[in-house]
């Protein structure tokens, strides 16, 4: 399903969240988004895609240039920072549960990563996420009783994934309240 025009992709959110931690240049962001990078362990992006994300974020006035620094390997590097609108967008995004279980591996994990890096309380997001997944599990369970054939197989698959995501969320929430 294509995303809405005003929606950011997972990678764009990750780059924006990284910049919300402090000004940086594109090369440093690309390193953080590489498969072995700080954020790349959750959502990896090749360097050209990071630069494309930076262009998108600047066009949407969520980031802006903040200066330049010399580079030993080429031209000066442009330092970027989040705008006040970008900072608000990241804060709001971090507080919202993901809508679909299929987004738990990408968006939810990115949110948990960036909240953890901020040393923020995970409980508000996890509580909202638990409610979201719980509601979806109830809906799927009710639909399962009225379905047969491949539709039942598909619903069962979705229910098992939702139940696993719900269990994961509840485990994290329990750990968060103990710690």
N, C-alpha and C. Protein backbone atom coordinates (compact mmCIF):
# COMPACT_ATOMS: atom_id res chain seq x y z
N UNK A 1 0.84 -1.17 0.00
CA UNK A 1 0.00 0.00 0.00
C UNK A 1 0.89 1.24 0.00
N UNK A 2 0.69 2.16 -0.95
CA UNK A 2 1.52 3.36 -0.99
C UNK A 2 1.22 4.26 0.21
N UNK A 3 2.24 5.00 0.62
CA UNK A 3 2.03 5.89 1.77
C UNK A 3 1.40 7.20 1.31
N UNK A 4 0.76 7.86 2.26
CA UNK A 4 0.17 9.16 1.97
C UNK A 4 1.28 10.16 1.70
N UNK A 5 0.98 11.18 0.94
CA UNK A 5 1.98 12.18 0.56
C UNK A 5 2.66 12.84 1.74
N UNK A 6 1.92 13.08 2.80
CA UNK A 6 2.48 13.80 3.94
C UNK A 6 3.06 12.86 4.99
N UNK A 7 3.02 11.58 4.74
CA UNK A 7 3.55 10.59 5.68
C UNK A 7 5.05 10.41 5.47
N UNK A 8 5.79 10.28 6.56
CA UNK A 8 7.21 9.98 6.45
C UNK A 8 7.39 8.47 6.44
N UNK A 9 8.42 8.01 5.76
CA UNK A 9 8.77 6.59 5.76
C UNK A 9 9.50 6.26 7.06
N UNK A 10 9.67 4.98 7.32
CA UNK A 10 10.42 4.55 8.51
C UNK A 10 11.83 5.14 8.49
N UNK A 11 12.47 5.11 7.36
CA UNK A 11 13.82 5.66 7.25
C UNK A 11 13.87 7.16 7.49
N UNK A 12 12.89 7.87 6.96
CA UNK A 12 12.84 9.32 7.19
C UNK A 12 12.63 9.63 8.67
N UNK A 13 11.76 8.85 9.33
CA UNK A 13 11.56 9.03 10.77
C UNK A 13 12.86 8.76 11.51
N UNK A 14 13.56 7.71 11.14
CA UNK A 14 14.81 7.36 11.81
C UNK A 14 15.84 8.47 11.66
N UNK A 15 15.98 9.00 10.47
CA UNK A 15 16.94 10.09 10.23
C UNK A 15 16.53 11.33 11.01
N UNK A 16 15.25 11.66 11.01
CA UNK A 16 14.77 12.81 11.76
C UNK A 16 15.00 12.62 13.26
N UNK A 17 14.74 11.43 13.76
CA UNK A 17 14.95 11.15 15.18
C UNK A 17 16.44 11.24 15.54
N UNK A 18 17.30 10.76 14.66
CA UNK A 18 18.74 10.91 14.90
C UNK A 18 19.12 12.38 14.99
N UNK A 19 18.62 13.18 14.06
CA UNK A 19 18.94 14.61 14.07
C UNK A 19 18.34 15.31 15.29
N UNK A 20 17.24 14.79 15.81
CA UNK A 20 16.65 15.40 17.00
C UNK A 20 17.54 15.22 18.23
N UNK A 21 18.49 14.28 18.14
CA UNK A 21 19.44 14.06 19.23
C UNK A 21 20.58 15.07 19.18
N UNK A 22 20.76 15.71 18.04
CA UNK A 22 21.80 16.72 17.91
C UNK A 22 22.17 16.91 16.46
N UNK A 23 22.68 18.09 16.11
CA UNK A 23 23.07 18.37 14.73
C UNK A 23 24.11 17.36 14.22
N UNK A 24 24.04 17.06 12.95
CA UNK A 24 24.96 16.10 12.33
C UNK A 24 25.02 16.36 10.83
N UNK A 25 26.02 15.79 10.19
CA UNK A 25 26.11 15.88 8.73
C UNK A 25 25.64 14.56 8.12
N UNK A 26 25.35 14.59 6.86
CA UNK A 26 24.80 13.43 6.17
C UNK A 26 25.65 12.19 6.26
N UNK A 27 26.96 12.34 6.18
CA UNK A 27 27.83 11.17 6.22
C UNK A 27 27.72 10.47 7.57
N UNK A 28 27.68 11.24 8.65
CA UNK A 28 27.53 10.64 9.99
C UNK A 28 26.18 9.95 10.12
N UNK A 29 25.16 10.56 9.56
CA UNK A 29 23.82 9.95 9.61
C UNK A 29 23.80 8.66 8.79
N UNK A 30 24.45 8.67 7.64
CA UNK A 30 24.52 7.47 6.81
C UNK A 30 25.25 6.35 7.54
N UNK A 31 26.28 6.69 8.29
CA UNK A 31 27.00 5.69 9.09
C UNK A 31 26.08 5.10 10.17
N UNK A 32 25.30 5.96 10.81
CA UNK A 32 24.38 5.49 11.86
C UNK A 32 23.27 4.62 11.28
N UNK A 33 22.91 4.86 10.02
CA UNK A 33 21.82 4.12 9.38
C UNK A 33 22.32 2.90 8.62
N UNK A 34 23.63 2.70 8.55
CA UNK A 34 24.20 1.53 7.88
C UNK A 34 23.82 0.27 8.67
N UNK A 35 23.84 -0.91 8.04
CA UNK A 35 23.44 -2.14 8.72
C UNK A 35 24.08 -2.37 10.09
N UNK A 36 25.32 -2.00 10.28
CA UNK A 36 25.95 -2.16 11.58
C UNK A 36 25.87 -0.93 12.45
N UNK A 37 25.17 0.10 11.98
CA UNK A 37 25.11 1.37 12.70
C UNK A 37 24.13 1.37 13.85
N UNK A 38 24.15 2.46 14.59
CA UNK A 38 23.33 2.59 15.78
C UNK A 38 21.84 2.38 15.49
N UNK A 39 21.34 3.03 14.46
CA UNK A 39 19.94 2.87 14.09
C UNK A 39 19.76 1.79 13.02
N UNK A 40 20.82 1.52 12.29
CA UNK A 40 20.77 0.52 11.23
C UNK A 40 20.49 -0.88 11.71
N UNK A 41 20.74 -1.14 12.98
CA UNK A 41 20.41 -2.46 13.53
C UNK A 41 18.91 -2.70 13.53
N UNK A 42 18.14 -1.62 13.48
CA UNK A 42 16.67 -1.74 13.42
C UNK A 42 16.18 -1.48 12.00
N UNK A 43 16.67 -0.40 11.39
CA UNK A 43 16.24 -0.03 10.04
C UNK A 43 17.45 0.48 9.28
N UNK A 44 18.00 -0.32 8.41
CA UNK A 44 19.20 0.06 7.66
C UNK A 44 18.82 0.75 6.36
N UNK A 45 19.67 1.71 5.99
CA UNK A 45 19.49 2.45 4.73
C UNK A 45 20.86 2.67 4.09
N UNK A 46 20.88 2.55 2.78
CA UNK A 46 22.10 2.88 2.04
C UNK A 46 22.28 4.40 2.03
N UNK A 47 23.52 4.83 1.87
CA UNK A 47 23.84 6.26 1.91
C UNK A 47 22.98 7.10 0.97
N UNK A 48 22.77 6.72 -0.30
CA UNK A 48 21.94 7.56 -1.16
C UNK A 48 20.51 7.74 -0.62
N UNK A 49 19.98 6.73 0.03
CA UNK A 49 18.63 6.85 0.59
C UNK A 49 18.60 7.77 1.80
N UNK A 50 19.69 7.78 2.56
CA UNK A 50 19.78 8.72 3.69
C UNK A 50 19.79 10.15 3.16
N UNK A 51 20.56 10.40 2.11
CA UNK A 51 20.59 11.75 1.54
C UNK A 51 19.25 12.14 0.93
N UNK A 52 18.57 11.18 0.33
CA UNK A 52 17.22 11.45 -0.19
C UNK A 52 16.28 11.79 0.96
N UNK A 53 16.39 11.06 2.06
CA UNK A 53 15.56 11.34 3.24
C UNK A 53 15.85 12.75 3.76
N UNK A 54 17.12 13.13 3.78
CA UNK A 54 17.48 14.47 4.24
C UNK A 54 16.86 15.54 3.35
N UNK A 55 16.84 15.31 2.06
CA UNK A 55 16.21 16.26 1.14
C UNK A 55 14.71 16.38 1.44
N UNK A 56 14.07 15.25 1.64
CA UNK A 56 12.63 15.25 1.95
C UNK A 56 12.36 16.00 3.24
N UNK A 57 13.16 15.74 4.26
CA UNK A 57 12.97 16.38 5.56
C UNK A 57 13.18 17.89 5.47
N UNK A 58 14.16 18.32 4.67
CA UNK A 58 14.38 19.76 4.50
C UNK A 58 13.25 20.40 3.70
N UNK A 59 12.78 19.71 2.66
CA UNK A 59 11.65 20.24 1.88
C UNK A 59 10.41 20.41 2.74
N UNK A 60 10.23 19.54 3.71
CA UNK A 60 9.07 19.62 4.60
C UNK A 60 9.32 20.54 5.79
N UNK A 61 10.47 21.20 5.78
CA UNK A 61 10.86 22.15 6.81
C UNK A 61 10.93 21.52 8.20
N UNK A 62 11.35 20.25 8.23
CA UNK A 62 11.55 19.55 9.49
C UNK A 62 13.02 19.60 9.91
N UNK A 63 13.90 19.91 8.95
CA UNK A 63 15.32 20.09 9.21
C UNK A 63 15.79 21.33 8.45
N UNK A 64 16.98 21.79 8.81
CA UNK A 64 17.58 22.94 8.11
C UNK A 64 19.09 22.88 8.28
N UNK A 65 19.82 23.51 7.35
CA UNK A 65 21.28 23.59 7.49
C UNK A 65 21.62 24.45 8.71
N UNK A 66 22.67 24.06 9.43
CA UNK A 66 23.08 24.80 10.62
C UNK A 66 24.54 25.23 10.55
N UNK A 67 25.20 24.98 9.43
CA UNK A 67 26.60 25.35 9.28
C UNK A 67 27.34 24.31 8.47
N UNK A 68 28.64 24.48 8.41
CA UNK A 68 29.48 23.53 7.67
C UNK A 68 30.72 23.21 8.51
N UNK A 69 31.29 22.06 8.19
CA UNK A 69 32.57 21.67 8.80
C UNK A 69 33.46 21.15 7.68
N UNK A 70 34.77 21.32 7.84
CA UNK A 70 35.67 20.81 6.80
C UNK A 70 35.68 19.28 6.79
N UNK A 71 36.00 18.74 5.64
CA UNK A 71 36.11 17.29 5.49
C UNK A 71 37.50 16.97 4.94
N UNK A 72 38.10 15.90 5.44
CA UNK A 72 39.42 15.50 4.95
C UNK A 72 39.31 14.71 3.65
N UNK A 73 38.10 14.26 3.32
CA UNK A 73 37.94 13.40 2.13
C UNK A 73 37.15 14.06 1.01
N UNK A 74 36.84 15.33 1.10
CA UNK A 74 36.07 15.97 0.04
C UNK A 74 35.64 17.36 0.44
N UNK A 75 34.55 17.82 -0.16
CA UNK A 75 34.08 19.17 0.14
C UNK A 75 33.58 19.29 1.58
N UNK A 76 33.36 20.51 1.99
CA UNK A 76 32.83 20.75 3.33
C UNK A 76 31.53 19.98 3.53
N UNK A 77 31.29 19.57 4.76
CA UNK A 77 30.06 18.85 5.09
C UNK A 77 29.07 19.84 5.70
N UNK A 78 27.84 19.75 5.25
CA UNK A 78 26.79 20.59 5.80
C UNK A 78 26.23 19.95 7.06
N UNK A 79 26.23 20.71 8.12
CA UNK A 79 25.64 20.25 9.38
C UNK A 79 24.15 20.58 9.33
N UNK A 80 23.34 19.61 9.70
CA UNK A 80 21.88 19.79 9.69
C UNK A 80 21.35 19.70 11.11
N UNK A 81 20.23 20.36 11.34
CA UNK A 81 19.56 20.30 12.63
C UNK A 81 18.05 20.23 12.41
N UNK A 82 17.35 19.78 13.43
CA UNK A 82 15.89 19.76 13.32
C UNK A 82 15.35 21.16 13.58
N UNK A 83 14.25 21.48 12.95
CA UNK A 83 13.54 22.71 13.21
C UNK A 83 12.61 22.48 14.40
N UNK A 84 12.04 23.51 14.95
CA UNK A 84 11.06 23.30 16.02
C UNK A 84 9.91 22.39 15.55
N UNK A 85 9.48 22.55 14.31
CA UNK A 85 8.42 21.68 13.77
C UNK A 85 8.91 20.23 13.70
N UNK A 86 10.17 20.03 13.34
CA UNK A 86 10.73 18.68 13.28
C UNK A 86 10.83 18.05 14.66
N UNK A 87 11.21 18.85 15.66
CA UNK A 87 11.30 18.34 17.03
C UNK A 87 9.92 17.94 17.54
N UNK A 88 8.91 18.77 17.24
CA UNK A 88 7.54 18.43 17.65
C UNK A 88 7.06 17.16 16.96
N UNK A 89 7.37 17.04 15.67
CA UNK A 89 6.95 15.86 14.92
C UNK A 89 7.56 14.59 15.50
N UNK A 90 8.84 14.63 15.84
CA UNK A 90 9.50 13.45 16.41
C UNK A 90 8.87 13.11 17.76
N UNK A 91 8.68 14.10 18.61
CA UNK A 91 8.09 13.84 19.93
C UNK A 91 6.70 13.22 19.80
N UNK A 92 5.91 13.75 18.89
CA UNK A 92 4.56 13.19 18.68
C UNK A 92 4.64 11.77 18.13
N UNK A 93 5.52 11.55 17.16
CA UNK A 93 5.68 10.23 16.55
C UNK A 93 6.10 9.21 17.59
N UNK A 94 7.03 9.58 18.46
CA UNK A 94 7.51 8.65 19.48
C UNK A 94 6.44 8.27 20.49
N UNK A 95 5.42 9.07 20.62
CA UNK A 95 4.38 8.80 21.61
C UNK A 95 3.21 7.99 21.05
N UNK A 96 3.13 7.84 19.75
CA UNK A 96 2.00 7.18 19.11
C UNK A 96 2.27 5.69 18.85
N UNK A 97 1.33 4.82 19.25
CA UNK A 97 1.53 3.39 18.94
C UNK A 97 1.43 3.16 17.44
N UNK A 98 2.03 2.08 16.99
CA UNK A 98 1.89 1.73 15.57
C UNK A 98 0.50 1.16 15.33
N UNK A 99 -0.01 1.37 14.15
CA UNK A 99 -1.38 0.96 13.83
C UNK A 99 -1.50 -0.52 13.51
N UNK A 100 -0.45 -1.09 12.95
CA UNK A 100 -0.52 -2.47 12.46
C UNK A 100 0.62 -3.30 13.05
N UNK A 101 0.33 -4.54 13.32
CA UNK A 101 1.36 -5.45 13.84
C UNK A 101 2.53 -5.53 12.86
N UNK A 102 2.26 -5.46 11.57
CA UNK A 102 3.33 -5.55 10.58
C UNK A 102 4.36 -4.42 10.74
N UNK A 103 3.98 -3.34 11.44
CA UNK A 103 4.89 -2.22 11.66
C UNK A 103 5.68 -2.35 12.96
N UNK A 104 5.43 -3.40 13.72
CA UNK A 104 6.12 -3.56 15.01
C UNK A 104 7.63 -3.74 14.80
N UNK A 105 8.04 -4.52 13.82
CA UNK A 105 9.46 -4.79 13.59
C UNK A 105 10.20 -3.55 13.13
N UNK A 106 9.52 -2.66 12.46
CA UNK A 106 10.20 -1.46 11.98
C UNK A 106 9.89 -0.25 12.87
N UNK A 107 8.70 0.26 12.77
CA UNK A 107 8.38 1.51 13.44
C UNK A 107 8.38 1.41 14.96
N UNK A 108 7.77 0.37 15.52
CA UNK A 108 7.75 0.24 16.97
C UNK A 108 9.18 0.08 17.51
N UNK A 109 9.98 -0.74 16.85
CA UNK A 109 11.35 -0.93 17.32
C UNK A 109 12.16 0.36 17.19
N UNK A 110 11.93 1.14 16.13
CA UNK A 110 12.60 2.44 16.02
C UNK A 110 12.18 3.36 17.16
N UNK A 111 10.91 3.39 17.46
CA UNK A 111 10.43 4.24 18.56
C UNK A 111 11.05 3.81 19.88
N UNK A 112 11.08 2.52 20.13
CA UNK A 112 11.69 2.02 21.37
C UNK A 112 13.18 2.35 21.42
N UNK A 113 13.86 2.23 20.28
CA UNK A 113 15.28 2.58 20.22
C UNK A 113 15.49 4.04 20.60
N UNK A 114 14.75 4.94 19.96
CA UNK A 114 14.98 6.37 20.20
C UNK A 114 14.48 6.81 21.57
N UNK A 115 13.43 6.22 22.08
CA UNK A 115 13.01 6.52 23.44
C UNK A 115 14.06 6.04 24.44
N UNK A 116 14.63 4.86 24.18
CA UNK A 116 15.68 4.34 25.06
C UNK A 116 16.92 5.23 25.02
N UNK A 117 17.28 5.69 23.85
CA UNK A 117 18.45 6.56 23.71
C UNK A 117 18.24 7.89 24.44
N UNK A 118 16.98 8.31 24.53
CA UNK A 118 16.64 9.54 25.27
C UNK A 118 16.50 9.28 26.76
N UNK A 119 16.58 8.01 27.13
CA UNK A 119 16.33 7.59 28.51
C UNK A 119 14.94 8.03 28.95
N UNK A 120 14.00 7.95 28.02
CA UNK A 120 12.60 8.32 28.29
C UNK A 120 11.85 7.11 28.85
N UNK A 121 10.77 7.38 29.52
CA UNK A 121 9.91 6.34 30.05
C UNK A 121 9.20 5.64 28.88
N UNK A 122 9.36 4.35 28.78
CA UNK A 122 8.74 3.58 27.70
C UNK A 122 7.26 3.27 27.99
N UNK A 123 6.86 3.38 29.25
CA UNK A 123 5.52 2.95 29.66
C UNK A 123 4.38 3.61 28.89
N UNK A 124 4.40 4.92 28.64
CA UNK A 124 3.26 5.50 27.90
C UNK A 124 3.08 4.89 26.51
N UNK A 125 4.17 4.74 25.77
CA UNK A 125 4.07 4.13 24.45
C UNK A 125 3.65 2.67 24.56
N UNK A 126 4.27 1.93 25.46
CA UNK A 126 3.95 0.51 25.60
C UNK A 126 2.51 0.29 26.04
N UNK A 127 2.00 1.14 26.90
CA UNK A 127 0.61 1.03 27.35
C UNK A 127 -0.34 1.26 26.18
N UNK A 128 -0.07 2.30 25.40
CA UNK A 128 -0.90 2.58 24.23
C UNK A 128 -0.78 1.46 23.20
N UNK A 129 0.43 0.93 23.05
CA UNK A 129 0.63 -0.15 22.07
C UNK A 129 -0.08 -1.42 22.51
N UNK A 130 -0.04 -1.71 23.80
CA UNK A 130 -0.75 -2.88 24.31
C UNK A 130 -2.24 -2.76 24.04
N UNK A 131 -2.81 -1.60 24.25
CA UNK A 131 -4.24 -1.40 23.98
C UNK A 131 -4.54 -1.60 22.50
N UNK A 132 -3.67 -1.10 21.63
CA UNK A 132 -3.86 -1.24 20.18
C UNK A 132 -3.83 -2.72 19.78
N UNK A 133 -2.80 -3.43 20.21
CA UNK A 133 -2.67 -4.84 19.84
C UNK A 133 -3.77 -5.69 20.48
N UNK A 134 -4.17 -5.36 21.69
CA UNK A 134 -5.23 -6.11 22.37
C UNK A 134 -6.54 -5.98 21.62
N UNK A 135 -6.86 -4.78 21.19
CA UNK A 135 -8.09 -4.55 20.41
C UNK A 135 -8.05 -5.33 19.10
N UNK A 136 -6.90 -5.32 18.45
CA UNK A 136 -6.77 -6.06 17.19
C UNK A 136 -6.91 -7.56 17.42
N UNK A 137 -6.34 -8.07 18.51
CA UNK A 137 -6.45 -9.50 18.81
C UNK A 137 -7.90 -9.89 19.06
N UNK A 138 -8.65 -9.05 19.76
CA UNK A 138 -10.06 -9.32 20.02
C UNK A 138 -10.86 -9.36 18.71
N UNK A 139 -10.60 -8.42 17.84
CA UNK A 139 -11.29 -8.35 16.55
C UNK A 139 -10.97 -9.60 15.71
N UNK A 140 -9.72 -9.99 15.68
CA UNK A 140 -9.32 -11.16 14.90
C UNK A 140 -9.91 -12.44 15.49
N UNK A 141 -9.94 -12.55 16.81
CA UNK A 141 -10.51 -13.73 17.46
C UNK A 141 -11.99 -13.87 17.12
N UNK A 142 -12.71 -12.77 17.16
CA UNK A 142 -14.13 -12.79 16.83
C UNK A 142 -14.35 -13.18 15.36
N UNK A 143 -13.52 -12.67 14.48
CA UNK A 143 -13.66 -12.97 13.05
C UNK A 143 -13.29 -14.42 12.75
N UNK A 144 -12.35 -14.97 13.51
CA UNK A 144 -11.88 -16.34 13.28
C UNK A 144 -13.01 -17.36 13.41
N UNK A 145 -13.91 -17.15 14.34
CA UNK A 145 -15.01 -18.09 14.57
C UNK A 145 -15.99 -18.13 13.40
N UNK A 146 -15.96 -17.14 12.55
CA UNK A 146 -16.92 -17.05 11.45
C UNK A 146 -16.27 -17.28 10.09
N UNK A 147 -15.07 -17.81 10.07
CA UNK A 147 -14.31 -17.92 8.82
C UNK A 147 -13.85 -19.35 8.60
N UNK A 148 -13.73 -19.71 7.32
CA UNK A 148 -13.19 -21.03 6.99
C UNK A 148 -12.29 -20.92 5.75
N UNK A 149 -11.73 -22.03 5.36
CA UNK A 149 -10.87 -22.06 4.18
C UNK A 149 -9.60 -21.24 4.38
N UNK A 150 -9.11 -20.69 3.27
CA UNK A 150 -7.88 -19.92 3.35
C UNK A 150 -8.05 -18.65 4.17
N UNK A 151 -9.24 -18.07 4.15
CA UNK A 151 -9.47 -16.87 4.97
C UNK A 151 -9.20 -17.17 6.44
N UNK A 152 -9.57 -18.37 6.88
CA UNK A 152 -9.31 -18.77 8.27
C UNK A 152 -7.80 -18.92 8.51
N UNK A 153 -7.11 -19.51 7.56
CA UNK A 153 -5.66 -19.66 7.68
C UNK A 153 -5.00 -18.29 7.81
N UNK A 154 -5.39 -17.36 6.97
CA UNK A 154 -4.83 -16.02 7.00
C UNK A 154 -5.16 -15.32 8.31
N UNK A 155 -6.40 -15.43 8.75
CA UNK A 155 -6.78 -14.81 10.03
C UNK A 155 -6.02 -15.43 11.19
N UNK A 156 -5.82 -16.73 11.16
CA UNK A 156 -5.08 -17.39 12.22
C UNK A 156 -3.63 -16.89 12.24
N UNK A 157 -3.05 -16.74 11.07
CA UNK A 157 -1.69 -16.19 10.96
C UNK A 157 -1.62 -14.79 11.57
N UNK A 158 -2.56 -13.96 11.20
CA UNK A 158 -2.60 -12.59 11.72
C UNK A 158 -2.81 -12.58 13.23
N UNK A 159 -3.68 -13.46 13.73
CA UNK A 159 -3.94 -13.54 15.16
C UNK A 159 -2.69 -13.98 15.92
N UNK A 160 -2.00 -14.99 15.41
CA UNK A 160 -0.78 -15.46 16.08
C UNK A 160 0.28 -14.36 16.13
N UNK A 161 0.44 -13.62 15.04
CA UNK A 161 1.40 -12.51 15.02
C UNK A 161 0.99 -11.40 15.98
N UNK A 162 -0.28 -11.12 16.02
CA UNK A 162 -0.78 -10.08 16.92
C UNK A 162 -0.61 -10.50 18.37
N UNK A 163 -0.90 -11.76 18.66
CA UNK A 163 -0.73 -12.28 20.02
C UNK A 163 0.74 -12.22 20.44
N UNK A 164 1.64 -12.56 19.54
CA UNK A 164 3.07 -12.49 19.85
C UNK A 164 3.50 -11.05 20.10
N UNK A 165 3.03 -10.12 19.28
CA UNK A 165 3.37 -8.71 19.46
C UNK A 165 2.79 -8.18 20.77
N UNK A 166 1.60 -8.61 21.11
CA UNK A 166 0.97 -8.22 22.37
C UNK A 166 1.78 -8.75 23.55
N UNK A 167 2.19 -10.01 23.47
CA UNK A 167 3.00 -10.62 24.53
C UNK A 167 4.33 -9.89 24.69
N UNK A 168 4.97 -9.55 23.58
CA UNK A 168 6.22 -8.79 23.60
C UNK A 168 6.01 -7.44 24.30
N UNK A 169 4.94 -6.76 23.94
CA UNK A 169 4.64 -5.45 24.53
C UNK A 169 4.39 -5.58 26.03
N UNK A 170 3.64 -6.59 26.42
CA UNK A 170 3.35 -6.80 27.84
C UNK A 170 4.62 -7.15 28.62
N UNK A 171 5.51 -7.94 28.02
CA UNK A 171 6.77 -8.27 28.67
C UNK A 171 7.62 -7.03 28.89
N UNK A 172 7.73 -6.20 27.86
CA UNK A 172 8.50 -4.96 28.00
C UNK A 172 7.88 -4.04 29.02
N UNK A 173 6.58 -3.96 29.03
CA UNK A 173 5.89 -3.10 29.99
C UNK A 173 6.14 -3.59 31.42
N UNK A 174 6.07 -4.89 31.63
CA UNK A 174 6.34 -5.46 32.96
C UNK A 174 7.78 -5.19 33.38
N UNK A 175 8.72 -5.36 32.47
CA UNK A 175 10.13 -5.08 32.77
C UNK A 175 10.34 -3.60 33.07
N UNK A 176 9.67 -2.75 32.31
CA UNK A 176 9.81 -1.31 32.47
C UNK A 176 9.30 -0.86 33.84
N UNK A 177 8.21 -1.46 34.32
CA UNK A 177 7.65 -1.04 35.60
C UNK A 177 8.45 -1.60 36.78
N UNK A 178 9.15 -2.72 36.56
CA UNK A 178 10.00 -3.29 37.62
C UNK A 178 11.29 -2.50 37.78
N UNK A 179 11.81 -2.03 36.62
CA UNK A 179 13.11 -1.39 36.64
C UNK A 179 13.02 0.01 37.06
